[in-house]
Amino acid sequence: MEAFGGFVMDEQVENVFLEFLKSFRVDANKPELYYEAEIEAIRGGESTMMYIDFSHVMGFNDALQKECV
């Protein structure tokens, strides 16, 4: 487990969350990744904050949802 922002995060949960951020699409038929622009803004130093719609997390993975609450 790793300390992250004051929280202890299980490596498996971290990996699932990263997969969520890198692959989530609102519409599975469209190629646009929902969180891609925010990830790039953080990488580029333009931002240090990312807003996550929890309903997206809930629909992506039940185990991840349970770990986040």
Protein backbone atom coordinates (compact mmCIF):
# COMPACT_ATOMS: atom_id res chain seq x y z
CA MET A 1 0.00 0.00 0.00
CA GLU A 2 1.13 3.49 -0.74
CA ALA A 3 0.39 6.76 1.05
CA PHE A 4 -1.20 9.15 -1.42
CA GLY A 5 -2.39 12.59 -0.41
CA GLY A 6 -2.93 11.50 3.18
CA PHE A 7 -4.72 8.31 2.14
CA VAL A 8 -3.42 4.77 2.00
CA MET A 9 -4.20 3.35 -1.42
CA ASP A 10 -4.11 -0.31 -2.30
CA GLU A 11 -2.07 -0.89 -5.46
CA GLN A 12 -4.90 -2.81 -7.12
CA VAL A 13 -7.35 0.03 -6.46
CA GLU A 14 -4.82 2.52 -7.79
CA ASN A 15 -4.42 0.50 -10.99
CA VAL A 16 -8.17 0.21 -11.53
CA PHE A 17 -8.60 3.95 -10.94
CA LEU A 18 -5.83 4.79 -13.42
CA GLU A 19 -7.45 2.46 -15.95
CA PHE A 20 -10.74 4.29 -15.36
CA LEU A 21 -9.12 7.69 -15.99
CA LYS A 22 -7.33 6.50 -19.11
CA SER A 23 -10.25 4.66 -20.71
CA PHE A 24 -13.59 6.10 -19.56
CA ARG A 25 -15.97 7.16 -22.32
CA VAL A 26 -19.44 8.60 -21.78
CA ASP A 27 -20.51 6.95 -25.03
CA ALA A 28 -18.79 3.66 -25.83
CA ASN A 29 -19.46 4.29 -29.53
CA LYS A 30 -17.41 7.51 -29.58
CA PRO A 31 -13.61 7.60 -29.45
CA GLU A 32 -13.31 10.60 -27.10
CA LEU A 33 -11.85 9.78 -23.70
CA TYR A 34 -13.75 11.79 -21.10
CA TYR A 35 -10.86 12.61 -18.73
CA GLU A 36 -8.06 12.86 -21.32
CA ALA A 37 -7.99 16.68 -21.48
CA GLU A 38 -7.82 16.97 -17.69
CA ILE A 39 -5.00 14.43 -17.51
CA GLU A 40 -3.04 16.37 -20.12
CA ALA A 41 -3.60 19.66 -18.25
CA ILE A 42 -2.13 18.12 -15.10
CA ARG A 43 0.80 16.63 -17.01
CA GLY A 44 1.49 19.99 -18.62
CA GLY A 45 1.47 21.79 -15.28
CA GLU A 46 -1.61 23.82 -16.19
CA SER A 47 -3.63 22.33 -13.35
CA THR A 48 -3.23 20.40 -10.13
CA MET A 49 -6.88 19.45 -9.72
CA MET A 50 -9.18 17.03 -11.47
CA TYR A 51 -12.92 16.74 -11.05
CA ILE A 52 -14.30 13.21 -11.20
CA ASP A 53 -17.98 12.50 -11.72
CA PHE A 54 -18.68 9.78 -9.16
CA SER A 55 -21.51 8.40 -11.27
CA HIS A 56 -18.84 7.57 -13.87
CA VAL A 57 -16.85 5.65 -11.24
CA MET A 58 -19.99 3.82 -10.12
CA GLY A 59 -20.73 2.69 -13.65
CA PHE A 60 -17.14 1.70 -14.39
CA ASN A 61 -16.30 -0.71 -11.58
CA ASP A 62 -18.24 -1.79 -8.48
CA ALA A 63 -15.12 -2.62 -6.47
CA LEU A 64 -13.62 0.79 -7.21
CA GLN A 65 -16.87 2.46 -6.19
CA LYS A 66 -16.80 0.70 -2.82
CA GLU A 67 -13.18 1.67 -2.20
CA CYS A 68 -13.89 5.34 -2.93
CA VAL A 69 -16.60 5.80 -0.32
